PDB file of all heavy atoms in Angstrom:
ATOM      1  N   LEU A   1      63.753  67.284 172.488  1.00  0.00           N
ATOM      2  CA  LEU A   1      63.894  68.317 173.518  1.00  0.00           C
ATOM      3  C   LEU A   1      65.307  68.897 173.513  1.00  0.00           C
ATOM      4  O   LEU A   1      65.485  70.081 173.832  1.00  0.00           O
ATOM      5  CB  LEU A   1      63.554  67.760 174.895  1.00  0.00           C
ATOM      6  CG  LEU A   1      62.081  67.497 175.183  1.00  0.00           C
ATOM      7  CD1 LEU A   1      61.893  66.969 176.598  1.00  0.00           C
ATOM      8  CD2 LEU A   1      61.249  68.753 174.967  1.00  0.00           C
ATOM      9  N   ASP A   2      66.303  68.086 173.172  1.00  0.00           N
ATOM     10  CA  ASP A   2      67.659  68.622 173.088  1.00  0.00           C
ATOM     11  C   ASP A   2      67.739  69.690 172.014  1.00  0.00           C
ATOM     12  O   ASP A   2      68.368  70.733 172.186  1.00  0.00           O
ATOM     13  CB  ASP A   2      68.672  67.496 172.836  1.00  0.00           C
ATOM     14  CG  ASP A   2      68.457  66.787 171.509  1.00  0.00           C
ATOM     15  OD1 ASP A   2      67.293  66.700 171.064  1.00  0.00           O
ATOM     16  OD2 ASP A   2      69.440  66.307 170.921  1.00  0.00           O
ATOM     17  N   SER A   3      67.081  69.442 170.900  1.00  0.00           N
ATOM     18  CA  SER A   3      67.055  70.408 169.801  1.00  0.00           C
ATOM     19  C   SER A   3      66.224  71.635 170.170  1.00  0.00           C
ATOM     20  O   SER A   3      66.668  72.785 170.016  1.00  0.00           O
ATOM     21  CB  SER A   3      66.485  69.728 168.559  1.00  0.00           C
ATOM     22  OG  SER A   3      66.370  70.619 167.477  1.00  0.00           O
ATOM     23  N   LEU A   4      65.024  71.402 170.670  1.00  0.00           N
ATOM     24  CA  LEU A   4      64.111  72.498 171.001  1.00  0.00           C
ATOM     25  C   LEU A   4      64.697  73.426 172.053  1.00  0.00           C
ATOM     26  O   LEU A   4      64.565  74.655 171.968  1.00  0.00           O
ATOM     27  CB  LEU A   4      62.785  71.914 171.489  1.00  0.00           C
ATOM     28  CG  LEU A   4      61.646  72.894 171.764  1.00  0.00           C
ATOM     29  CD1 LEU A   4      61.249  73.613 170.489  1.00  0.00           C
ATOM     30  CD2 LEU A   4      60.445  72.150 172.348  1.00  0.00           C
ATOM     31  N   SER A   5      65.366  72.870 173.056  1.00  0.00           N
ATOM     32  CA  SER A   5      65.892  73.691 174.146  1.00  0.00           C
ATOM     33  C   SER A   5      67.041  74.593 173.706  1.00  0.00           C
ATOM     34  O   SER A   5      67.374  75.544 174.409  1.00  0.00           O
ATOM     35  CB  SER A   5      66.353  72.802 175.306  1.00  0.00           C
ATOM     36  OG  SER A   5      67.424  71.973 174.910  1.00  0.00           O
ATOM     37  N   ASN A   6      67.623  74.316 172.536  1.00  0.00           N
ATOM     38  CA  ASN A   6      68.744  75.143 172.105  1.00  0.00           C
ATOM     39  C   ASN A   6      68.333  76.484 171.526  1.00  0.00           C
ATOM     40  O   ASN A   6      69.177  77.247 171.070  1.00  0.00           O
ATOM     41  CB  ASN A   6      69.636  74.368 171.141  1.00  0.00           C
ATOM     42  CG  ASN A   6      70.856  73.815 171.843  1.00  0.00           C
ATOM     43  OD1 ASN A   6      71.968  74.273 171.657  1.00  0.00           O
ATOM     44  ND2 ASN A   6      70.640  72.843 172.724  1.00  0.00           N
ATOM     45  N   GLY A   7      67.042  76.756 171.577  1.00  0.00           N
ATOM     46  CA  GLY A   7      66.620  78.126 171.350  1.00  0.00           C
ATOM     47  C   GLY A   7      67.196  79.073 172.390  1.00  0.00           C
ATOM     48  O   GLY A   7      67.086  80.300 172.257  1.00  0.00           O
ATOM     49  N   LEU A   8      67.835  78.520 173.408  1.00  0.00           N
ATOM     50  CA  LEU A   8      68.491  79.351 174.428  1.00  0.00           C
ATOM     51  C   LEU A   8      69.469  80.331 173.798  1.00  0.00           C
ATOM     52  O   LEU A   8      69.737  81.404 174.352  1.00  0.00           O
ATOM     53  CB  LEU A   8      69.175  78.484 175.479  1.00  0.00           C
ATOM     54  CG  LEU A   8      70.409  77.651 175.091  1.00  0.00           C
ATOM     55  CD1 LEU A   8      71.713  78.435 175.302  1.00  0.00           C
ATOM     56  CD2 LEU A   8      70.464  76.369 175.913  1.00  0.00           C
ATOM     57  N   TYR A   9      70.036  79.967 172.632  1.00  0.00           N
ATOM     58  CA  TYR A   9      70.985  80.859 171.972  1.00  0.00           C
ATOM     59  C   TYR A   9      70.307  82.092 171.386  1.00  0.00           C
ATOM     60  O   TYR A   9      70.975  83.077 171.070  1.00  0.00           O
ATOM     61  CB  TYR A   9      71.732  80.107 170.872  1.00  0.00           C
ATOM     62  CG  TYR A   9      72.763  79.148 171.402  1.00  0.00           C
ATOM     63  CD1 TYR A   9      72.471  77.802 171.590  1.00  0.00           C
ATOM     64  CD2 TYR A   9      74.039  79.590 171.738  1.00  0.00           C
ATOM     65  CE1 TYR A   9      73.413  76.916 172.097  1.00  0.00           C
ATOM     66  CE2 TYR A   9      74.989  78.721 172.240  1.00  0.00           C
ATOM     67  CZ  TYR A   9      74.664  77.386 172.421  1.00  0.00           C
ATOM     68  OH  TYR A   9      75.603  76.517 172.927  1.00  0.00           O
ATOM     69  N   VAL A  10      68.997  82.051 171.231  1.00  0.00           N
ATOM     70  CA  VAL A  10      68.250  83.198 170.708  1.00  0.00           C
ATOM     71  C   VAL A  10      67.926  84.196 171.806  1.00  0.00           C
ATOM     72  O   VAL A  10      67.815  85.409 171.558  1.00  0.00           O
ATOM     73  CB  VAL A  10      66.947  82.695 170.040  1.00  0.00           C
ATOM     74  CG1 VAL A  10      66.109  83.860 169.514  1.00  0.00           C
ATOM     75  CG2 VAL A  10      67.259  81.700 168.934  1.00  0.00           C
ATOM     76  N   LEU A  11      67.779  83.703 173.029  1.00  0.00           N
ATOM     77  CA  LEU A  11      67.284  84.546 174.117  1.00  0.00           C
ATOM     78  C   LEU A  11      68.170  85.750 174.448  1.00  0.00           C
ATOM     79  O   LEU A  11      67.637  86.803 174.828  1.00  0.00           O
ATOM     80  CB  LEU A  11      67.036  83.694 175.356  1.00  0.00           C
ATOM     81  CG  LEU A  11      65.877  82.700 175.191  1.00  0.00           C
ATOM     82  CD1 LEU A  11      65.734  81.821 176.428  1.00  0.00           C
ATOM     83  CD2 LEU A  11      64.565  83.433 174.915  1.00  0.00           C
ATOM     84  N   PRO A  12      69.515  85.684 174.332  1.00  0.00           N
ATOM     85  CA  PRO A  12      70.290  86.913 174.541  1.00  0.00           C
ATOM     86  C   PRO A  12      69.889  88.044 173.598  1.00  0.00           C
ATOM     87  O   PRO A  12      69.895  89.219 173.976  1.00  0.00           O
ATOM     88  CB  PRO A  12      71.737  86.459 174.285  1.00  0.00           C
ATOM     89  CG  PRO A  12      71.730  85.010 174.653  1.00  0.00           C
ATOM     90  CD  PRO A  12      70.394  84.503 174.193  1.00  0.00           C
ATOM     91  N   GLY A  13      69.511  87.678 172.361  1.00  0.00           N
ATOM     92  CA  GLY A  13      69.042  88.699 171.426  1.00  0.00           C
ATOM     93  C   GLY A  13      67.723  89.297 171.863  1.00  0.00           C
ATOM     94  O   GLY A  13      67.486  90.507 171.710  1.00  0.00           O
ATOM     95  N   VAL A  14      66.838  88.471 172.425  1.00  0.00           N
ATOM     96  CA  VAL A  14      65.558  88.967 172.940  1.00  0.00           C
ATOM     97  C   VAL A  14      65.799  89.895 174.125  1.00  0.00           C
ATOM     98  O   VAL A  14      65.184  90.965 174.239  1.00  0.00           O
ATOM     99  CB  VAL A  14      64.649  87.795 173.347  1.00  0.00           C
ATOM    100  CG1 VAL A  14      63.347  88.311 173.960  1.00  0.00           C
ATOM    101  CG2 VAL A  14      64.352  86.894 172.144  1.00  0.00           C
ATOM    102  N   VAL A  15      66.715  89.494 175.007  1.00  0.00           N
ATOM    103  CA  VAL A  15      67.056  90.332 176.162  1.00  0.00           C
ATOM    104  C   VAL A  15      67.582  91.688 175.684  1.00  0.00           C
ATOM    105  O   VAL A  15      67.158  92.744 176.190  1.00  0.00           O
ATOM    106  CB  VAL A  15      68.118  89.635 177.040  1.00  0.00           C
ATOM    107  CG1 VAL A  15      68.632  90.586 178.129  1.00  0.00           C
ATOM    108  CG2 VAL A  15      67.550  88.371 177.677  1.00  0.00           C
ATOM    109  N   ALA A  16      68.491  91.667 174.726  1.00  0.00           N
ATOM    110  CA  ALA A  16      69.103  92.909 174.248  1.00  0.00           C
ATOM    111  C   ALA A  16      68.076  93.807 173.556  1.00  0.00           C
ATOM    112  O   ALA A  16      68.065  95.034 173.759  1.00  0.00           O
ATOM    113  CB  ALA A  16      70.250  92.580 173.297  1.00  0.00           C
ATOM    114  N   TYR A  17      67.232  93.225 172.724  1.00  0.00           N
ATOM    115  CA  TYR A  17      66.199  94.007 172.034  1.00  0.00           C
ATOM    116  C   TYR A  17      65.267  94.664 173.048  1.00  0.00           C
ATOM    117  O   TYR A  17      64.964  95.865 172.957  1.00  0.00           O
ATOM    118  CB  TYR A  17      65.416  93.104 171.093  1.00  0.00           C
ATOM    119  CG  TYR A  17      64.471  93.835 170.163  1.00  0.00           C
ATOM    120  CD1 TYR A  17      64.856  94.111 168.855  1.00  0.00           C
ATOM    121  CD2 TYR A  17      63.202  94.241 170.580  1.00  0.00           C
ATOM    122  CE1 TYR A  17      63.989  94.777 167.983  1.00  0.00           C
ATOM    123  CE2 TYR A  17      62.340  94.905 169.730  1.00  0.00           C
ATOM    124  CZ  TYR A  17      62.739  95.168 168.435  1.00  0.00           C
ATOM    125  OH  TYR A  17      61.887  95.832 167.581  1.00  0.00           O
ATOM    126  N   ALA A  18      64.827  93.880 174.034  1.00  0.00           N
ATOM    127  CA  ALA A  18      63.935  94.431 175.058  1.00  0.00           C
ATOM    128  C   ALA A  18      64.623  95.512 175.884  1.00  0.00           C
ATOM    129  O   ALA A  18      63.995  96.484 176.294  1.00  0.00           O
ATOM    130  CB  ALA A  18      63.444  93.302 175.965  1.00  0.00           C
ATOM    131  N   ALA A  19      65.923  95.345 176.132  1.00  0.00           N
ATOM    132  CA  ALA A  19      66.662  96.328 176.924  1.00  0.00           C
ATOM    133  C   ALA A  19      66.687  97.685 176.249  1.00  0.00           C
ATOM    134  O   ALA A  19      66.609  98.730 176.911  1.00  0.00           O
ATOM    135  CB  ALA A  19      68.092  95.833 177.153  1.00  0.00           C
ATOM    136  N   VAL A  20      66.787  97.694 174.910  1.00  0.00           N
ATOM    137  CA  VAL A  20      66.894  98.955 174.172  1.00  0.00           C
ATOM    138  C   VAL A  20      65.531  99.508 173.784  1.00  0.00           C
ATOM    139  O   VAL A  20      65.253 100.701 173.936  1.00  0.00           O
ATOM    140  CB  VAL A  20      67.771  98.766 172.912  1.00  0.00           C
ATOM    141  CG1 VAL A  20      67.783 100.033 172.057  1.00  0.00           C
ATOM    142  CG2 VAL A  20      69.191  98.389 173.312  1.00  0.00           C
ATOM    143  N   GLU A  21      64.656  98.628 173.281  1.00  0.00           N
ATOM    144  CA  GLU A  21      63.370  99.066 172.738  1.00  0.00           C
ATOM    145  C   GLU A  21      62.255  99.025 173.770  1.00  0.00           C
ATOM    146  O   GLU A  21      61.237  99.717 173.631  1.00  0.00           O
ATOM    147  CB  GLU A  21      63.007  98.198 171.531  1.00  0.00           C
ATOM    148  CG  GLU A  21      61.799  98.646 170.747  1.00  0.00           C
ATOM    149  CD  GLU A  21      62.029  99.931 169.958  1.00  0.00           C
ATOM    150  OE1 GLU A  21      63.182 100.415 169.918  1.00  0.00           O
ATOM    151  OE2 GLU A  21      61.058 100.457 169.395  1.00  0.00           O
ATOM    152  N   GLY A  22      62.405  98.196 174.792  1.00  0.00           N
ATOM    153  CA  GLY A  22      61.390  98.099 175.831  1.00  0.00           C
ATOM    154  C   GLY A  22      60.235  97.183 175.501  1.00  0.00           C
ATOM    155  O   GLY A  22      59.330  97.009 176.323  1.00  0.00           O
ATOM    156  N   VAL A  23      60.241  96.593 174.316  1.00  0.00           N
ATOM    157  CA  VAL A  23      59.183  95.668 173.892  1.00  0.00           C
ATOM    158  C   VAL A  23      59.824  94.439 173.279  1.00  0.00           C
ATOM    159  O   VAL A  23      61.044  94.378 173.076  1.00  0.00           O
ATOM    160  CB  VAL A  23      58.227  96.330 172.869  1.00  0.00           C
ATOM    161  CG1 VAL A  23      57.501  97.511 173.485  1.00  0.00           C
ATOM    162  CG2 VAL A  23      58.988  96.757 171.620  1.00  0.00           C
ATOM    163  N   ALA A  24      58.993  93.457 172.936  1.00  0.00           N
ATOM    164  CA  ALA A  24      59.502  92.225 172.344  1.00  0.00           C
ATOM    165  C   ALA A  24      59.871  92.433 170.880  1.00  0.00           C
ATOM    166  O   ALA A  24      59.251  93.246 170.181  1.00  0.00           O
ATOM    167  CB  ALA A  24      58.446  91.125 172.450  1.00  0.00           C
ATOM    168  N   PRO A  25      60.874  91.720 170.386  1.00  0.00           N
ATOM    169  CA  PRO A  25      61.136  91.728 168.949  1.00  0.00           C
ATOM    170  C   PRO A  25      59.996  91.044 168.217  1.00  0.00           C
ATOM    171  O   PRO A  25      59.166  90.358 168.844  1.00  0.00           O
ATOM    172  CB  PRO A  25      62.448  90.934 168.828  1.00  0.00           C
ATOM    173  CG  PRO A  25      62.492  90.081 170.045  1.00  0.00           C
ATOM    174  CD  PRO A  25      61.795  90.840 171.122  1.00  0.00           C
ATOM    175  N   PRO A  26      59.896  91.182 166.900  1.00  0.00           N
ATOM    176  CA  PRO A  26      58.814  90.510 166.154  1.00  0.00           C
ATOM    177  C   PRO A  26      58.797  89.015 166.425  1.00  0.00           C
ATOM    178  O   PRO A  26      59.841  88.359 166.420  1.00  0.00           O
ATOM    179  CB  PRO A  26      59.165  90.811 164.693  1.00  0.00           C
ATOM    180  CG  PRO A  26      59.972  92.068 164.745  1.00  0.00           C
ATOM    181  CD  PRO A  26      60.757  91.996 166.018  1.00  0.00           C
ATOM    182  N   ALA A  27      57.598  88.475 166.653  1.00  0.00           N
ATOM    183  CA  ALA A  27      57.473  87.051 166.969  1.00  0.00           C
ATOM    184  C   ALA A  27      58.014  86.181 165.847  1.00  0.00           C
ATOM    185  O   ALA A  27      58.600  85.117 166.103  1.00  0.00           O
ATOM    186  CB  ALA A  27      56.006  86.723 167.239  1.00  0.00           C
ATOM    187  N   SER A  28      57.839  86.621 164.601  1.00  0.00           N
ATOM    188  CA  SER A  28      58.336  85.822 163.476  1.00  0.00           C
ATOM    189  C   SER A  28      59.859  85.753 163.479  1.00  0.00           C
ATOM    190  O   SER A  28      60.438  84.722 163.104  1.00  0.00           O
ATOM    191  CB  SER A  28      57.838  86.409 162.153  1.00  0.00           C
ATOM    192  OG  SER A  28      58.238  87.767 162.016  1.00  0.00           O
ATOM    193  N   ALA A  29      60.520  86.824 163.915  1.00  0.00           N
ATOM    194  CA  ALA A  29      61.981  86.809 163.979  1.00  0.00           C
ATOM    195  C   ALA A  29      62.460  85.869 165.071  1.00  0.00           C
ATOM    196  O   ALA A  29      63.424  85.111 164.879  1.00  0.00           O
ATOM    197  CB  ALA A  29      62.510  88.227 164.226  1.00  0.00           C
ATOM    198  N   VAL A  30      61.793  85.898 166.212  1.00  0.00           N
ATOM    199  CA  VAL A  30      62.173  85.005 167.311  1.00  0.00           C
ATOM    200  C   VAL A  30      61.925  83.548 166.918  1.00  0.00           C
ATOM    201  O   VAL A  30      62.771  82.675 167.130  1.00  0.00           O
ATOM    202  CB  VAL A  30      61.399  85.354 168.600  1.00  0.00           C
ATOM    203  CG1 VAL A  30      61.731  84.362 169.709  1.00  0.00           C
ATOM    204  CG2 VAL A  30      61.730  86.782 169.048  1.00  0.00           C
ATOM    205  N   ALA A  31      60.758  83.273 166.323  1.00  0.00           N
ATOM    206  CA  ALA A  31      60.439  81.905 165.919  1.00  0.00           C
ATOM    207  C   ALA A  31      61.403  81.410 164.844  1.00  0.00           C
ATOM    208  O   ALA A  31      61.873  80.261 164.889  1.00  0.00           O
ATOM    209  CB  ALA A  31      59.002  81.822 165.417  1.00  0.00           C
ATOM    210  N   GLY A  32      61.719  82.266 163.877  1.00  0.00           N
ATOM    211  CA  GLY A  32      62.657  81.871 162.829  1.00  0.00           C
ATOM    212  C   GLY A  32      64.035  81.596 163.384  1.00  0.00           C
ATOM    213  O   GLY A  32      64.690  80.607 163.003  1.00  0.00           O
ATOM    214  N   ALA A  33      64.486  82.451 164.296  1.00  0.00           N
ATOM    215  CA  ALA A  33      65.800  82.249 164.910  1.00  0.00           C
ATOM    216  C   ALA A  33      65.809  80.982 165.754  1.00  0.00           C
ATOM    217  O   ALA A  33      66.809  80.250 165.791  1.00  0.00           O
ATOM    218  CB  ALA A  33      66.171  83.462 165.759  1.00  0.00           C
ATOM    219  N   TRP A  34      64.696  80.702 166.423  1.00  0.00           N
ATOM    220  CA  TRP A  34      64.616  79.492 167.261  1.00  0.00           C
ATOM    221  C   TRP A  34      64.729  78.239 166.393  1.00  0.00           C
ATOM    222  O   TRP A  34      65.458  77.307 166.733  1.00  0.00           O
ATOM    223  CB  TRP A  34      63.303  79.483 168.034  1.00  0.00           C
ATOM    224  CG  TRP A  34      63.335  78.648 169.283  1.00  0.00           C
ATOM    225  CD1 TRP A  34      63.326  77.277 169.355  1.00  0.00           C
ATOM    226  CD2 TRP A  34      63.399  79.126 170.631  1.00  0.00           C
ATOM    227  NE1 TRP A  34      63.376  76.871 170.661  1.00  0.00           N
ATOM    228  CE2 TRP A  34      63.421  77.982 171.474  1.00  0.00           C
ATOM    229  CE3 TRP A  34      63.433  80.392 171.213  1.00  0.00           C
ATOM    230  CZ2 TRP A  34      63.473  78.078 172.859  1.00  0.00           C
ATOM    231  CZ3 TRP A  34      63.472  80.488 172.592  1.00  0.00           C
ATOM    232  CH2 TRP A  34      63.491  79.346 173.402  1.00  0.00           C
ATOM    233  N   LEU A  35      64.043  78.238 165.266  1.00  0.00           N
ATOM    234  CA  LEU A  35      64.130  77.109 164.339  1.00  0.00           C
ATOM    235  C   LEU A  35      65.541  76.970 163.782  1.00  0.00           C
ATOM    236  O   LEU A  35      66.049  75.854 163.607  1.00  0.00           O
ATOM    237  CB  LEU A  35      63.126  77.296 163.203  1.00  0.00           C
ATOM    238  CG  LEU A  35      61.663  77.053 163.581  1.00  0.00           C
ATOM    239  CD1 LEU A  35      60.736  77.692 162.552  1.00  0.00           C
ATOM    240  CD2 LEU A  35      61.384  75.558 163.686  1.00  0.00           C
ATOM    241  N   TRP A  36      66.179  78.102 163.487  1.00  0.00           N
ATOM    242  CA  TRP A  36      67.576  78.056 163.025  1.00  0.00           C
ATOM    243  C   TRP A  36      68.447  77.401 164.092  1.00  0.00           C
ATOM    244  O   TRP A  36      69.292  76.548 163.786  1.00  0.00           O
ATOM    245  CB  TRP A  36      68.095  79.460 162.736  1.00  0.00           C
ATOM    246  CG  TRP A  36      69.577  79.474 162.572  1.00  0.00           C
ATOM    247  CD1 TRP A  36      70.277  79.190 161.441  1.00  0.00           C
ATOM    248  CD2 TRP A  36      70.563  79.729 163.594  1.00  0.00           C
ATOM    249  NE1 TRP A  36      71.637  79.248 161.688  1.00  0.00           N
ATOM    250  CE2 TRP A  36      71.830  79.570 162.988  1.00  0.00           C
ATOM    251  CE3 TRP A  36      70.495  80.068 164.945  1.00  0.00           C
ATOM    252  CZ2 TRP A  36      73.019  79.762 163.711  1.00  0.00           C
ATOM    253  CZ3 TRP A  36      71.664  80.240 165.651  1.00  0.00           C
ATOM    254  CH2 TRP A  36      72.908  80.096 165.037  1.00  0.00           C
ATOM    255  N   ALA A  37      68.271  77.800 165.359  1.00  0.00           N
ATOM    256  CA  ALA A  37      69.081  77.244 166.443  1.00  0.00           C
ATOM    257  C   ALA A  37      68.833  75.747 166.604  1.00  0.00           C
ATOM    258  O   ALA A  37      69.769  74.982 166.887  1.00  0.00           O
ATOM    259  CB  ALA A  37      68.778  77.980 167.754  1.00  0.00           C
ATOM    260  N   MET A  38      67.611  75.315 166.420  1.00  0.00           N
ATOM    261  CA  MET A  38      67.316  73.887 166.495  1.00  0.00           C
ATOM    262  C   MET A  38      68.092  73.111 165.428  1.00  0.00           C
ATOM    263  O   MET A  38      68.687  72.063 165.695  1.00  0.00           O
ATOM    264  CB  MET A  38      65.813  73.648 166.332  1.00  0.00           C
ATOM    265  CG  MET A  38      64.970  74.118 167.496  1.00  0.00           C
ATOM    266  SD  MET A  38      63.180  74.031 167.171  1.00  0.00           S
ATOM    267  CE  MET A  38      62.972  72.269 166.904  1.00  0.00           C
ATOM    268  N   GLY A  39      68.086  73.639 164.210  1.00  0.00           N
ATOM    269  CA  GLY A  39      68.837  72.986 163.142  1.00  0.00           C
ATOM    270  C   GLY A  39      70.324  73.006 163.392  1.00  0.00           C
ATOM    271  O   GLY A  39      71.028  72.011 163.171  1.00  0.00           O
ATOM    272  N   MET A  40      70.826  74.145 163.879  1.00  0.00           N
ATOM    273  CA  MET A  40      72.257  74.272 164.113  1.00  0.00           C
ATOM    274  C   MET A  40      72.721  73.318 165.202  1.00  0.00           C
ATOM    275  O   MET A  40      73.766  72.667 165.085  1.00  0.00           O
ATOM    276  CB  MET A  40      72.585  75.720 164.498  1.00  0.00           C
ATOM    277  CG  MET A  40      74.064  76.064 164.541  1.00  0.00           C
ATOM    278  SD  MET A  40      74.835  76.010 162.919  1.00  0.00           S
ATOM    279  CE  MET A  40      75.942  74.636 163.109  1.00  0.00           C
ATOM    280  N   HIS A  41      71.954  73.222 166.274  1.00  0.00           N
ATOM    281  CA  HIS A  41      72.323  72.314 167.358  1.00  0.00           C
ATOM    282  C   HIS A  41      72.370  70.868 166.870  1.00  0.00           C
ATOM    283  O   HIS A  41      73.321  70.131 167.149  1.00  0.00           O
ATOM    284  CB  HIS A  41      71.328  72.412 168.508  1.00  0.00           C
ATOM    285  CG  HIS A  41      71.454  71.291 169.487  1.00  0.00           C
ATOM    286  ND1 HIS A  41      70.677  70.149 169.397  1.00  0.00           N
ATOM    287  CD2 HIS A  41      72.281  71.095 170.542  1.00  0.00           C
ATOM    288  CE1 HIS A  41      71.024  69.306 170.359  1.00  0.00           C
ATOM    289  NE2 HIS A  41      71.995  69.858 171.072  1.00  0.00           N
ATOM    290  N   THR A  42      71.349  70.456 166.129  1.00  0.00           N
ATOM    291  CA  THR A  42      71.282  69.060 165.702  1.00  0.00           C
ATOM    292  C   THR A  42      72.349  68.758 164.662  1.00  0.00           C
ATOM    293  O   THR A  42      72.934  67.667 164.665  1.00  0.00           O
ATOM    294  CB  THR A  42      69.880  68.747 165.156  1.00  0.00           C
ATOM    295  OG1 THR A  42      68.906  69.153 166.143  1.00  0.00           O
ATOM    296  CG2 THR A  42      69.712  67.264 164.896  1.00  0.00           C
ATOM    297  N   PHE A  43      72.646  69.714 163.804  1.00  0.00           N
ATOM    298  CA  PHE A  43      73.736  69.531 162.848  1.00  0.00           C
ATOM    299  C   PHE A  43      75.058  69.329 163.586  1.00  0.00           C
ATOM    300  O   PHE A  43      75.860  68.459 163.228  1.00  0.00           O
ATOM    301  CB  PHE A  43      73.830  70.744 161.928  1.00  0.00           C
ATOM    302  CG  PHE A  43      74.867  70.618 160.855  1.00  0.00           C
ATOM    303  CD1 PHE A  43      74.585  69.965 159.666  1.00  0.00           C
ATOM    304  CD2 PHE A  43      76.139  71.152 161.027  1.00  0.00           C
ATOM    305  CE1 PHE A  43      75.548  69.840 158.675  1.00  0.00           C
ATOM    306  CE2 PHE A  43      77.097  71.035 160.057  1.00  0.00           C
ATOM    307  CZ  PHE A  43      76.804  70.382 158.869  1.00  0.00           C
TER     308      PHE A  43
END
């Protein structure tokens, strides 16, 4: 859960994308970034 919760670092990008485009960014980009954040946190 410590690793999984660090997807929090991705959420500012989701907020910013939605603010400009009005819709969600591609789900694959969010999921990929979330997995990256999990690895980065645990490293």
